[in-house]
Amino acid sequence: MEHIIKIKTIERLTHNVKRFQCEKPADYAFIPGQATEVAINKKGWETEKRPFTFTSLNESPNLEFTIKMYNDHSGMTNELNTLEVGDELIIDDVWGAIEYKGPGYFIAGGAGITPFIAILRQLHKENRLAGNKLFFSNKTEADIILRPELTSMLCSNAIYTITNEQSNNYHTGHINEQFLKTYVDDFSKHFYLCGPPQMVEALQDILIKLGASPEAVVFEK
């Protein structure tokens, strides 16, 4: 079922990420980590749907989307970047397989952090973040989405790694086998993965090799 929702606020979070606060349809509900298909209610864009995760909590009066803008081609996010308060989006019903199943390690690459934002916010609200760690990989420090909030919630359990520049503040390099051996204390816990497909596939193989149970590795199928 489609719903037309109006954009209430737009906030720039990084040089290429914006947060959209939108109207929430009556009786519309989701589980943290879930997503919906989004289109723009503008001539020529009504059927150009893309999946975006809710970054608000279900109890919030608004729907929030945190979206990375790709301006190197004339696609959906480039068009989203032109929208203003009062413009409208079209959303479908909810879907998604990334759901919290217990304490473990959240491993995100770039915009892959978005399914984890609502999950971590919900756990923080319920005082249930103990036993969880976040490994968040980005090309540069300027790319890190919601760094102050994530660090505030997780403290030293938010571990950032930078891949395309030397960093004096964070680990430099990819989340690979050596990184996981260094920072994972317990491979019997859950692992939540979201990021570029190649990253997710590689990490699945590495985690299984290092002793993680395939059933404990959670990702969007």
N, C-alpha and C. Protein backbone atom coordinates (compact mmCIF):
# COMPACT_ATOMS: atom_id res chain seq x y z
N MET A 1 0.85 -1.20 0.00
CA MET A 1 0.00 0.00 0.00
C MET A 1 0.88 1.25 0.00
N GLU A 2 0.57 2.20 -0.85
CA GLU A 2 1.36 3.42 -0.94
C GLU A 2 0.81 4.51 -0.02
N HIS A 3 1.72 5.32 0.51
CA HIS A 3 1.36 6.47 1.32
C HIS A 3 2.12 7.68 0.80
N ILE A 4 1.46 8.83 0.72
CA ILE A 4 2.13 10.07 0.35
C ILE A 4 2.39 10.86 1.64
N ILE A 5 3.65 11.20 1.86
CA ILE A 5 4.03 11.90 3.09
C ILE A 5 4.78 13.18 2.76
N LYS A 6 4.58 14.19 3.57
CA LYS A 6 5.21 15.50 3.34
C LYS A 6 6.50 15.59 4.15
N ILE A 7 7.52 16.20 3.56
CA ILE A 7 8.78 16.43 4.26
C ILE A 7 8.61 17.63 5.21
N LYS A 8 8.95 17.42 6.49
CA LYS A 8 8.77 18.46 7.51
C LYS A 8 10.06 19.25 7.77
N THR A 9 11.19 18.56 7.80
CA THR A 9 12.47 19.23 7.99
C THR A 9 13.55 18.50 7.18
N ILE A 10 14.59 19.22 6.79
CA ILE A 10 15.75 18.65 6.11
C ILE A 10 16.99 19.21 6.80
N GLU A 11 17.90 18.31 7.18
CA GLU A 11 19.11 18.73 7.90
C GLU A 11 20.32 18.06 7.25
N ARG A 12 21.36 18.82 7.01
CA ARG A 12 22.60 18.25 6.47
C ARG A 12 23.45 17.72 7.62
N LEU A 13 23.83 16.42 7.54
CA LEU A 13 24.63 15.79 8.59
C LEU A 13 26.10 15.74 8.24
N THR A 14 26.41 15.48 6.97
CA THR A 14 27.79 15.52 6.49
C THR A 14 27.78 16.20 5.13
N HIS A 15 28.92 16.23 4.48
CA HIS A 15 29.00 16.90 3.17
C HIS A 15 28.08 16.25 2.15
N ASN A 16 27.70 14.98 2.33
CA ASN A 16 26.84 14.32 1.34
C ASN A 16 25.75 13.46 1.97
N VAL A 17 25.38 13.76 3.20
CA VAL A 17 24.29 13.03 3.87
C VAL A 17 23.29 14.02 4.44
N LYS A 18 22.01 13.75 4.19
CA LYS A 18 20.94 14.58 4.74
C LYS A 18 19.96 13.73 5.54
N ARG A 19 19.36 14.38 6.55
CA ARG A 19 18.33 13.74 7.36
C ARG A 19 16.99 14.39 7.03
N PHE A 20 16.03 13.55 6.63
CA PHE A 20 14.69 14.01 6.29
C PHE A 20 13.72 13.57 7.38
N GLN A 21 13.04 14.52 8.01
CA GLN A 21 11.94 14.23 8.93
C GLN A 21 10.64 14.42 8.16
N CYS A 22 9.81 13.37 8.17
CA CYS A 22 8.60 13.37 7.34
C CYS A 22 7.37 13.01 8.16
N GLU A 23 6.23 13.31 7.58
CA GLU A 23 4.97 12.89 8.20
C GLU A 23 4.94 11.37 8.34
N LYS A 24 4.22 10.91 9.36
CA LYS A 24 4.06 9.47 9.58
C LYS A 24 2.59 9.11 9.40
N PRO A 25 2.27 8.21 8.47
CA PRO A 25 0.87 7.82 8.28
C PRO A 25 0.29 7.19 9.54
N ALA A 26 -1.00 7.33 9.71
CA ALA A 26 -1.67 6.73 10.86
C ALA A 26 -1.50 5.21 10.82
N ASP A 27 -1.24 4.63 11.99
CA ASP A 27 -1.10 3.17 12.14
C ASP A 27 0.08 2.58 11.35
N TYR A 28 1.03 3.40 10.98
CA TYR A 28 2.22 2.92 10.26
C TYR A 28 3.25 2.51 11.31
N ALA A 29 3.72 1.26 11.26
CA ALA A 29 4.62 0.75 12.30
C ALA A 29 5.74 -0.07 11.68
N PHE A 30 6.88 -0.08 12.37
CA PHE A 30 8.03 -0.84 11.89
C PHE A 30 8.89 -1.26 13.07
N ILE A 31 9.78 -2.20 12.81
CA ILE A 31 10.76 -2.65 13.80
C ILE A 31 12.08 -1.99 13.47
N PRO A 32 12.84 -1.50 14.46
CA PRO A 32 14.14 -0.90 14.16
C PRO A 32 15.00 -1.81 13.29
N GLY A 33 15.54 -1.23 12.21
CA GLY A 33 16.29 -2.00 11.23
C GLY A 33 15.54 -2.23 9.94
N GLN A 34 14.22 -2.01 9.97
CA GLN A 34 13.42 -2.23 8.77
C GLN A 34 13.45 -1.01 7.85
N ALA A 35 12.97 -1.22 6.61
CA ALA A 35 13.04 -0.21 5.57
C ALA A 35 11.73 -0.16 4.80
N THR A 36 11.68 0.74 3.83
CA THR A 36 10.56 0.81 2.89
C THR A 36 11.08 1.27 1.54
N GLU A 37 10.27 1.12 0.52
CA GLU A 37 10.60 1.66 -0.79
C GLU A 37 10.11 3.11 -0.85
N VAL A 38 10.97 4.00 -1.33
CA VAL A 38 10.66 5.43 -1.36
C VAL A 38 10.76 5.95 -2.78
N ALA A 39 9.79 6.74 -3.17
CA ALA A 39 9.83 7.47 -4.44
C ALA A 39 9.52 8.94 -4.16
N ILE A 40 9.76 9.79 -5.12
CA ILE A 40 9.48 11.22 -4.98
C ILE A 40 8.17 11.53 -5.69
N ASN A 41 7.28 12.25 -5.00
CA ASN A 41 5.98 12.58 -5.58
C ASN A 41 6.12 13.81 -6.48
N LYS A 42 6.78 13.56 -7.61
CA LYS A 42 7.06 14.62 -8.58
C LYS A 42 7.01 13.98 -9.97
N LYS A 43 6.49 14.69 -10.93
CA LYS A 43 6.31 14.15 -12.28
C LYS A 43 7.61 13.51 -12.80
N GLY A 44 7.49 12.25 -13.21
CA GLY A 44 8.63 11.51 -13.74
C GLY A 44 9.39 10.71 -12.71
N TRP A 45 9.09 10.92 -11.43
CA TRP A 45 9.83 10.22 -10.36
C TRP A 45 8.94 9.32 -9.51
N GLU A 46 7.65 9.28 -9.80
CA GLU A 46 6.71 8.56 -8.93
C GLU A 46 6.97 7.05 -8.87
N THR A 47 7.55 6.49 -9.91
CA THR A 47 7.78 5.04 -9.93
C THR A 47 9.26 4.68 -9.73
N GLU A 48 10.09 5.69 -9.54
CA GLU A 48 11.53 5.44 -9.31
C GLU A 48 11.75 5.17 -7.82
N LYS A 49 11.49 3.94 -7.41
CA LYS A 49 11.53 3.61 -5.98
C LYS A 49 12.90 3.04 -5.58
N ARG A 50 13.35 3.43 -4.39
CA ARG A 50 14.60 2.93 -3.84
C ARG A 50 14.38 2.58 -2.37
N PRO A 51 15.11 1.58 -1.88
CA PRO A 51 14.94 1.20 -0.47
C PRO A 51 15.71 2.12 0.47
N PHE A 52 15.04 2.58 1.51
CA PHE A 52 15.69 3.38 2.55
C PHE A 52 15.21 2.91 3.91
N THR A 53 16.14 2.89 4.86
CA THR A 53 15.83 2.44 6.21
C THR A 53 15.30 3.58 7.06
N PHE A 54 14.38 3.26 7.95
CA PHE A 54 13.93 4.25 8.93
C PHE A 54 15.03 4.42 9.98
N THR A 55 15.40 5.66 10.28
CA THR A 55 16.38 5.88 11.34
C THR A 55 15.73 6.46 12.60
N SER A 56 14.45 6.74 12.54
CA SER A 56 13.71 7.14 13.74
C SER A 56 13.27 5.88 14.49
N LEU A 57 12.79 6.08 15.71
CA LEU A 57 12.18 4.98 16.45
C LEU A 57 10.70 4.88 16.07
N ASN A 58 10.14 3.70 16.23
CA ASN A 58 8.75 3.49 15.84
C ASN A 58 7.79 4.42 16.59
N GLU A 59 8.13 4.74 17.84
CA GLU A 59 7.23 5.57 18.65
C GLU A 59 7.30 7.05 18.29
N SER A 60 8.26 7.44 17.44
CA SER A 60 8.38 8.84 17.05
C SER A 60 7.17 9.27 16.24
N PRO A 61 6.74 10.52 16.39
CA PRO A 61 5.61 11.01 15.59
C PRO A 61 5.98 11.23 14.12
N ASN A 62 7.28 11.26 13.81
CA ASN A 62 7.74 11.45 12.43
C ASN A 62 8.43 10.19 11.92
N LEU A 63 8.53 10.09 10.60
CA LEU A 63 9.40 9.11 9.97
C LEU A 63 10.70 9.84 9.60
N GLU A 64 11.81 9.23 9.93
CA GLU A 64 13.10 9.84 9.62
C GLU A 64 13.90 8.94 8.68
N PHE A 65 14.48 9.56 7.66
CA PHE A 65 15.39 8.86 6.74
C PHE A 65 16.72 9.61 6.74
N THR A 66 17.80 8.87 6.84
CA THR A 66 19.14 9.45 6.77
C THR A 66 19.77 8.93 5.48
N ILE A 67 19.98 9.82 4.51
CA ILE A 67 20.25 9.39 3.13
C ILE A 67 21.53 10.01 2.60
N LYS A 68 22.38 9.15 2.04
CA LYS A 68 23.60 9.62 1.38
C LYS A 68 23.28 10.02 -0.05
N MET A 69 23.76 11.19 -0.45
CA MET A 69 23.49 11.71 -1.78
C MET A 69 24.63 11.36 -2.74
N TYR A 70 24.29 10.74 -3.84
CA TYR A 70 25.27 10.43 -4.87
C TYR A 70 25.04 11.37 -6.04
N ASN A 71 25.88 12.39 -6.15
CA ASN A 71 25.66 13.45 -7.13
C ASN A 71 26.44 13.25 -8.43
N ASP A 72 27.09 12.09 -8.57
CA ASP A 72 27.90 11.86 -9.77
C ASP A 72 27.06 11.32 -10.92
N HIS A 73 25.76 11.13 -10.69
CA HIS A 73 24.88 10.73 -11.79
C HIS A 73 23.46 11.24 -11.46
N SER A 74 22.64 11.34 -12.48
CA SER A 74 21.31 11.95 -12.29
C SER A 74 20.30 10.91 -11.84
N GLY A 75 20.54 10.35 -10.66
CA GLY A 75 19.66 9.31 -10.13
C GLY A 75 18.76 9.83 -9.03
N MET A 76 18.19 8.87 -8.31
CA MET A 76 17.20 9.16 -7.27
C MET A 76 17.77 10.05 -6.16
N THR A 77 18.96 9.72 -5.63
CA THR A 77 19.45 10.52 -4.52
C THR A 77 19.87 11.91 -4.97
N ASN A 78 20.30 12.02 -6.20
CA ASN A 78 20.61 13.36 -6.72
C ASN A 78 19.35 14.22 -6.76
N GLU A 79 18.23 13.59 -7.11
CA GLU A 79 16.96 14.32 -7.12
C GLU A 79 16.49 14.62 -5.70
N LEU A 80 16.70 13.67 -4.78
CA LEU A 80 16.35 13.92 -3.38
C LEU A 80 17.10 15.13 -2.84
N ASN A 81 18.29 15.33 -3.31
CA ASN A 81 19.12 16.44 -2.84
C ASN A 81 18.54 17.80 -3.21
N THR A 82 17.63 17.82 -4.19
CA THR A 82 17.02 19.09 -4.62
C THR A 82 15.73 19.40 -3.86
N LEU A 83 15.23 18.45 -3.07
CA LEU A 83 13.93 18.63 -2.43
C LEU A 83 13.99 19.66 -1.31
N GLU A 84 12.84 20.23 -1.02
CA GLU A 84 12.71 21.23 0.03
C GLU A 84 11.60 20.84 0.98
N VAL A 85 11.58 21.48 2.13
CA VAL A 85 10.49 21.25 3.09
C VAL A 85 9.15 21.52 2.41
N GLY A 86 8.20 20.62 2.60
CA GLY A 86 6.89 20.73 1.96
C GLY A 86 6.74 19.84 0.75
N ASP A 87 7.87 19.41 0.15
CA ASP A 87 7.79 18.44 -0.94
C ASP A 87 7.34 17.09 -0.38
N GLU A 88 6.94 16.19 -1.30
CA GLU A 88 6.33 14.93 -0.86
C GLU A 88 7.11 13.71 -1.35
N LEU A 89 7.06 12.66 -0.52
CA LEU A 89 7.61 11.36 -0.87
C LEU A 89 6.47 10.35 -0.93
N ILE A 90 6.70 9.27 -1.65
CA ILE A 90 5.75 8.15 -1.70
C ILE A 90 6.45 6.96 -1.06
N ILE A 91 5.81 6.35 -0.05
CA ILE A 91 6.41 5.19 0.61
C ILE A 91 5.47 4.00 0.54
N ASP A 92 6.07 2.79 0.55
CA ASP A 92 5.30 1.55 0.57
C ASP A 92 5.22 1.03 2.00
N ASP A 93 4.75 -0.21 2.13
CA ASP A 93 4.75 -0.87 3.42
C ASP A 93 6.19 -1.22 3.81
N VAL A 94 6.36 -1.63 5.07
CA VAL A 94 7.71 -1.88 5.58
C VAL A 94 8.18 -3.29 5.21
N TRP A 95 9.50 -3.45 5.17
CA TRP A 95 10.13 -4.76 4.97
C TRP A 95 11.53 -4.69 5.57
N GLY A 96 12.18 -5.83 5.64
CA GLY A 96 13.57 -5.82 6.11
C GLY A 96 13.89 -7.00 7.00
N ALA A 97 15.14 -7.45 6.91
CA ALA A 97 15.57 -8.65 7.63
C ALA A 97 16.60 -8.37 8.71
N ILE A 98 17.09 -7.13 8.79
CA ILE A 98 18.09 -6.83 9.82
C ILE A 98 17.36 -6.47 11.10
N GLU A 99 17.33 -7.44 12.02
CA GLU A 99 16.60 -7.27 13.28
C GLU A 99 17.51 -7.68 14.42
N TYR A 100 17.44 -6.96 15.51
CA TYR A 100 18.29 -7.25 16.67
C TYR A 100 17.91 -8.59 17.28
N LYS A 101 18.91 -9.44 17.46
CA LYS A 101 18.68 -10.78 17.99
C LYS A 101 19.45 -11.04 19.28
N GLY A 102 20.25 -10.06 19.70
CA GLY A 102 21.02 -10.22 20.92
C GLY A 102 22.35 -9.50 20.81
N PRO A 103 23.08 -9.35 21.92
CA PRO A 103 24.33 -8.60 21.93
C PRO A 103 25.34 -9.13 20.92
N GLY A 104 26.12 -8.21 20.36
CA GLY A 104 27.12 -8.63 19.39
C GLY A 104 27.82 -7.44 18.77
N TYR A 105 28.20 -7.62 17.52
CA TYR A 105 29.03 -6.65 16.80
C TYR A 105 28.29 -6.12 15.58
N PHE A 106 28.13 -4.82 15.51
CA PHE A 106 27.53 -4.16 14.35
C PHE A 106 28.67 -3.70 13.45
N ILE A 107 28.71 -4.20 12.22
CA ILE A 107 29.79 -3.85 11.29
C ILE A 107 29.18 -3.14 10.10
N ALA A 108 29.54 -1.85 9.94
CA ALA A 108 28.91 -1.02 8.90
C ALA A 108 29.96 -0.40 8.01
N GLY A 109 29.64 -0.29 6.73
CA GLY A 109 30.47 0.42 5.77
C GLY A 109 29.70 1.59 5.20
N GLY A 110 30.16 2.83 5.46
CA GLY A 110 29.52 4.02 4.90
C GLY A 110 28.05 4.13 5.25
N ALA A 111 27.21 4.30 4.21
CA ALA A 111 25.77 4.44 4.43
C ALA A 111 25.14 3.16 4.98
N GLY A 112 25.91 2.08 5.06
CA GLY A 112 25.42 0.85 5.67
C GLY A 112 25.14 0.99 7.16
N ILE A 113 25.49 2.12 7.74
CA ILE A 113 25.16 2.36 9.15
C ILE A 113 23.66 2.55 9.36
N THR A 114 22.93 2.92 8.30
CA THR A 114 21.54 3.37 8.50
C THR A 114 20.63 2.33 9.16
N PRO A 115 20.67 1.02 8.81
CA PRO A 115 19.79 0.09 9.52
C PRO A 115 20.11 -0.03 11.00
N PHE A 116 21.35 0.31 11.36
CA PHE A 116 21.77 0.15 12.75
C PHE A 116 21.41 1.36 13.61
N ILE A 117 21.14 2.51 12.99
CA ILE A 117 20.90 3.72 13.77
C ILE A 117 19.68 3.55 14.67
N ALA A 118 18.55 3.11 14.11
CA ALA A 118 17.34 2.94 14.92
C ALA A 118 17.52 1.83 15.94
N ILE A 119 18.22 0.74 15.56
CA ILE A 119 18.45 -0.36 16.50
C ILE A 119 19.26 0.14 17.70
N LEU A 120 20.35 0.85 17.43
CA LEU A 120 21.19 1.34 18.53
C LEU A 120 20.46 2.38 19.37
N ARG A 121 19.68 3.24 18.72
CA ARG A 121 18.90 4.23 19.48
C ARG A 121 17.89 3.54 20.40
N GLN A 122 17.25 2.49 19.89
CA GLN A 122 16.26 1.76 20.70
C GLN A 122 16.93 1.08 21.89
N LEU A 123 18.07 0.43 21.65
CA LEU A 123 18.79 -0.23 22.73
C LEU A 123 19.26 0.79 23.76
N HIS A 124 19.72 1.94 23.29
CA HIS A 124 20.17 3.00 24.20
C HIS A 124 19.01 3.50 25.05
N LYS A 125 17.87 3.70 24.44
CA LYS A 125 16.68 4.18 25.16
C LYS A 125 16.27 3.18 26.24
N GLU A 126 16.43 1.89 25.94
CA GLU A 126 16.04 0.83 26.88
C GLU A 126 17.18 0.41 27.80
N ASN A 127 18.31 1.13 27.73
CA ASN A 127 19.48 0.81 28.55
C ASN A 127 19.95 -0.64 28.33
N ARG A 128 19.98 -1.05 27.04
CA ARG A 128 20.35 -2.43 26.69
C ARG A 128 21.55 -2.48 25.73
N LEU A 129 22.37 -1.42 25.72
CA LEU A 129 23.50 -1.40 24.80
C LEU A 129 24.70 -2.21 25.29
N ALA A 130 24.71 -2.58 26.55
CA ALA A 130 25.84 -3.34 27.10
C ALA A 130 26.04 -4.63 26.30
N GLY A 131 27.30 -4.93 26.00
CA GLY A 131 27.62 -6.15 25.27
C GLY A 131 27.65 -5.97 23.77
N ASN A 132 27.40 -4.74 23.29
CA ASN A 132 27.41 -4.48 21.85
C ASN A 132 28.59 -3.57 21.48
N LYS A 133 29.15 -3.80 20.30
CA LYS A 133 30.20 -2.95 19.75
C LYS A 133 29.84 -2.57 18.32
N LEU A 134 30.31 -1.40 17.91
CA LEU A 134 30.13 -0.95 16.53
C LEU A 134 31.49 -0.79 15.87
N PHE A 135 31.66 -1.42 14.71
CA PHE A 135 32.82 -1.19 13.85
C PHE A 135 32.30 -0.45 12.61
N PHE A 136 32.76 0.77 12.40
CA PHE A 136 32.19 1.63 11.36
C PHE A 136 33.30 2.09 10.43
N SER A 137 33.26 1.61 9.18
CA SER A 137 34.29 1.92 8.19
C SER A 137 33.83 3.02 7.25
N ASN A 138 34.70 4.02 7.02
CA ASN A 138 34.41 5.10 6.09
C ASN A 138 35.67 5.45 5.31
N LYS A 139 35.48 6.10 4.16
CA LYS A 139 36.63 6.49 3.35
C LYS A 139 37.45 7.57 4.04
N THR A 140 36.76 8.58 4.61
CA THR A 140 37.44 9.67 5.29
C THR A 140 36.72 9.99 6.59
N GLU A 141 37.37 10.74 7.46
CA GLU A 141 36.72 11.14 8.71
C GLU A 141 35.48 11.98 8.45
N ALA A 142 35.51 12.78 7.38
CA ALA A 142 34.38 13.66 7.06
C ALA A 142 33.15 12.87 6.64
N ASP A 143 33.33 11.58 6.31
CA ASP A 143 32.21 10.75 5.87
C ASP A 143 31.45 10.10 7.02
N ILE A 144 31.96 10.18 8.23
CA ILE A 144 31.35 9.45 9.34
C ILE A 144 30.00 10.06 9.71
N ILE A 145 28.94 9.30 9.51
CA ILE A 145 27.57 9.76 9.78
C ILE A 145 27.27 9.66 11.28
N LEU A 146 26.75 10.74 11.86
CA LEU A 146 26.30 10.78 13.26
C LEU A 146 27.38 10.36 14.25
N ARG A 147 28.62 10.71 13.97
CA ARG A 147 29.73 10.32 14.86
C ARG A 147 29.50 10.77 16.31
N PRO A 148 29.10 12.04 16.58
CA PRO A 148 28.91 12.43 17.98
C PRO A 148 27.87 11.58 18.71
N GLU A 149 26.75 11.30 18.05
CA GLU A 149 25.70 10.52 18.70
C GLU A 149 26.14 9.08 18.94
N LEU A 150 26.77 8.47 17.93
CA LEU A 150 27.22 7.08 18.08
C LEU A 150 28.25 6.96 19.19
N THR A 151 29.18 7.92 19.25
CA THR A 151 30.20 7.89 20.30
C THR A 151 29.58 8.12 21.67
N SER A 152 28.60 9.01 21.73
CA SER A 152 27.92 9.28 23.00
C SER A 152 27.21 8.04 23.51
N MET A 153 26.58 7.29 22.62
CA MET A 153 25.84 6.10 23.03
C MET A 153 26.77 4.95 23.40
N LEU A 154 27.81 4.73 22.58
CA LEU A 154 28.62 3.52 22.72
C LEU A 154 29.97 3.75 23.38
N CYS A 155 30.39 5.01 23.51
CA CYS A 155 31.68 5.36 24.12
C CYS A 155 32.80 4.60 23.41
N SER A 156 33.64 3.88 24.16
CA SER A 156 34.78 3.19 23.56
C SER A 156 34.37 1.97 22.73
N ASN A 157 33.10 1.61 22.77
CA ASN A 157 32.62 0.49 21.96
C ASN A 157 32.19 0.92 20.56
N ALA A 158 32.41 2.19 20.22
CA ALA A 158 32.27 2.67 18.83
C ALA A 158 33.68 2.80 18.27
N ILE A 159 34.02 1.91 17.35
CA ILE A 159 35.37 1.87 16.79
C ILE A 159 35.30 2.23 15.32
N TYR A 160 35.96 3.32 14.96
CA TYR A 160 35.91 3.83 13.58
C TYR A 160 37.20 3.46 12.86
N THR A 161 37.06 3.16 11.56
CA THR A 161 38.24 2.89 10.75
C THR A 161 38.12 3.65 9.43
N ILE A 162 39.22 4.22 9.00
CA ILE A 162 39.27 5.08 7.81
C ILE A 162 40.11 4.40 6.74
N THR A 163 39.59 4.35 5.51
CA THR A 163 40.26 3.56 4.47
C THR A 163 41.02 4.38 3.43
N ASN A 164 40.63 5.64 3.20
CA ASN A 164 41.21 6.39 2.07
C ASN A 164 42.10 7.55 2.47
N GLU A 165 42.41 7.68 3.76
CA GLU A 165 43.33 8.70 4.20
C GLU A 165 43.94 8.26 5.53
N GLN A 166 45.09 8.80 5.84
CA GLN A 166 45.69 8.53 7.14
C GLN A 166 44.90 9.27 8.21
N SER A 167 44.67 8.60 9.32
CA SER A 167 43.90 9.21 10.40
C SER A 167 44.71 9.19 11.68
N ASN A 168 44.79 10.35 12.34
CA ASN A 168 45.44 10.42 13.64
C ASN A 168 44.48 10.09 14.77
N ASN A 169 43.19 10.02 14.44
CA ASN A 169 42.18 9.81 15.47
C ASN A 169 41.65 8.39 15.52
N TYR A 170 41.65 7.71 14.37
CA TYR A 170 41.03 6.40 14.29
C TYR A 170 41.92 5.39 13.58
N HIS A 171 41.51 4.13 13.66
CA HIS A 171 42.22 3.06 12.96
C HIS A 171 42.23 3.37 11.45
N THR A 172 43.35 3.11 10.81
CA THR A 172 43.45 3.29 9.36
C THR A 172 43.50 1.92 8.70
N GLY A 173 42.60 1.69 7.75
CA GLY A 173 42.59 0.42 7.04
C GLY A 173 41.20 -0.20 7.00
N HIS A 174 41.10 -1.30 6.30
CA HIS A 174 39.80 -1.96 6.13
C HIS A 174 39.48 -2.88 7.31
N ILE A 175 38.20 -3.20 7.44
CA ILE A 175 37.78 -4.20 8.42
C ILE A 175 38.04 -5.56 7.78
N ASN A 176 39.17 -6.16 8.12
CA ASN A 176 39.58 -7.42 7.52
C ASN A 176 39.82 -8.45 8.62
N GLU A 177 40.43 -9.55 8.26
CA GLU A 177 40.64 -10.63 9.23
C GLU A 177 41.47 -10.17 10.43
N GLN A 178 42.55 -9.43 10.16
CA GLN A 178 43.40 -8.97 11.25
C GLN A 178 42.66 -8.00 12.17
N PHE A 179 41.88 -7.10 11.57
CA PHE A 179 41.08 -6.16 12.37
C PHE A 179 40.15 -6.93 13.31
N LEU A 180 39.45 -7.93 12.77
CA LEU A 180 38.49 -8.68 13.58
C LEU A 180 39.19 -9.46 14.69
N LYS A 181 40.34 -10.04 14.38
CA LYS A 181 41.10 -10.75 15.42
C LYS A 181 41.49 -9.80 16.55
N THR A 182 41.76 -8.55 16.19
CA THR A 182 42.20 -7.56 17.18
C THR A 182 41.05 -7.06 18.04
N TYR A 183 39.88 -6.82 17.43
CA TYR A 183 38.82 -6.10 18.13
C TYR A 183 37.64 -6.97 18.57
N VAL A 184 37.54 -8.20 18.09
CA VAL A 184 36.43 -9.06 18.50
C VAL A 184 36.88 -9.92 19.69
N ASP A 185 36.13 -9.82 20.77
CA ASP A 185 36.45 -10.59 21.97
C ASP A 185 35.78 -11.95 22.00
N ASP A 186 34.67 -12.08 21.29
CA ASP A 186 33.86 -13.30 21.40
C ASP A 186 33.18 -13.59 20.06
N PHE A 187 33.68 -14.59 19.34
CA PHE A 187 33.11 -14.92 18.04
C PHE A 187 31.83 -15.75 18.14
N SER A 188 31.37 -16.02 19.35
CA SER A 188 30.10 -16.74 19.49
C SER A 188 28.91 -15.80 19.55
N LYS A 189 29.19 -14.47 19.57
CA LYS A 189 28.10 -13.49 19.61
C LYS A 189 27.50 -13.29 18.21
N HIS A 190 26.47 -12.46 18.15
CA HIS A 190 25.87 -12.11 16.86
C HIS A 190 26.74 -11.09 16.12
N PHE A 191 26.68 -11.14 14.79
CA PHE A 191 27.34 -10.16 13.94
C PHE A 191 26.31 -9.60 12.98
N TYR A 192 26.17 -8.28 12.97
CA TYR A 192 25.22 -7.59 12.11
C TYR A 192 26.00 -6.85 11.04
N LEU A 193 25.75 -7.15 9.78
CA LEU A 193 26.55 -6.61 8.68
C LEU A 193 25.69 -5.77 7.74
N CYS A 194 26.20 -4.60 7.36
CA CYS A 194 25.54 -3.81 6.32
C CYS A 194 26.56 -2.87 5.69
N GLY A 195 26.62 -2.89 4.38
CA GLY A 195 27.55 -2.05 3.65
C GLY A 195 27.58 -2.47 2.20
N PRO A 196 28.62 -2.08 1.47
CA PRO A 196 28.74 -2.51 0.08
C PRO A 196 28.72 -4.04 -0.02
N PRO A 197 28.05 -4.60 -1.05
CA PRO A 197 27.91 -6.06 -1.16
C PRO A 197 29.23 -6.81 -1.06
N GLN A 198 30.27 -6.30 -1.69
CA GLN A 198 31.57 -6.99 -1.64
C GLN A 198 32.11 -7.07 -0.22
N MET A 199 31.91 -6.00 0.53
CA MET A 199 32.35 -5.98 1.93
C MET A 199 31.58 -7.00 2.76
N VAL A 200 30.26 -7.03 2.59
CA VAL A 200 29.42 -7.95 3.36
C VAL A 200 29.77 -9.40 3.03
N GLU A 201 29.95 -9.71 1.74
CA GLU A 201 30.28 -11.07 1.34
C GLU A 201 31.63 -11.50 1.91
N ALA A 202 32.62 -10.61 1.82
CA ALA A 202 33.96 -10.94 2.33
C ALA A 202 33.92 -11.16 3.84
N LEU A 203 33.18 -10.32 4.56
CA LEU A 203 33.13 -10.44 6.01
C LEU A 203 32.40 -11.70 6.45
N GLN A 204 31.38 -12.11 5.70
CA GLN A 204 30.72 -13.38 6.03
C GLN A 204 31.72 -14.52 6.03
N ASP A 205 32.52 -14.60 4.98
CA ASP A 205 33.50 -15.67 4.85
C ASP A 205 34.53 -15.61 5.98
N ILE A 206 35.03 -14.40 6.26
CA ILE A 206 36.05 -14.24 7.30
C ILE A 206 35.49 -14.62 8.67
N LEU A 207 34.28 -14.17 8.96
CA LEU A 207 33.68 -14.45 10.27
C LEU A 207 33.47 -15.95 10.48
N ILE A 208 33.00 -16.65 9.46
CA ILE A 208 32.82 -18.09 9.57
C ILE A 208 34.17 -18.77 9.80
N LYS A 209 35.18 -18.32 9.07
CA LYS A 209 36.53 -18.86 9.22
C LYS A 209 37.04 -18.67 10.65
N LEU A 210 36.70 -17.54 11.27
CA LEU A 210 37.18 -17.23 12.61
C LEU A 210 36.31 -17.82 13.72
N GLY A 211 35.27 -18.55 13.34
CA GLY A 211 34.50 -19.27 14.34
C GLY A 211 33.09 -18.81 14.58
N ALA A 212 32.63 -17.79 13.85
CA ALA A 212 31.24 -17.34 14.03
C ALA A 212 30.28 -18.37 13.44
N SER A 213 29.13 -18.50 14.06
CA SER A 213 28.10 -19.40 13.53
C SER A 213 27.38 -18.72 12.36
N PRO A 214 27.17 -19.44 11.24
CA PRO A 214 26.44 -18.82 10.13
C PRO A 214 25.09 -18.27 10.54
N GLU A 215 24.42 -18.92 11.50
CA GLU A 215 23.11 -18.46 11.95
C GLU A 215 23.20 -17.16 12.76
N ALA A 216 24.39 -16.83 13.22
CA ALA A 216 24.57 -15.63 14.04
C ALA A 216 25.02 -14.42 13.23
N VAL A 217 25.21 -14.62 11.91
CA VAL A 217 25.62 -13.51 11.05
C VAL A 217 24.37 -12.97 10.37
N VAL A 218 23.97 -11.76 10.72
CA VAL A 218 22.70 -11.15 10.28
C VAL A 218 22.99 -10.09 9.23
N PHE A 219 22.35 -10.22 8.07
CA PHE A 219 22.51 -9.21 7.03
C PHE A 219 21.27 -9.22 6.16
N GLU A 220 21.11 -8.17 5.33
CA GLU A 220 19.95 -8.05 4.45
C GLU A 220 20.13 -8.98 3.27
N LYS A 221 19.26 -9.98 3.14
CA LYS A 221 19.38 -10.98 2.08
C LYS A 221 18.66 -10.51 0.82
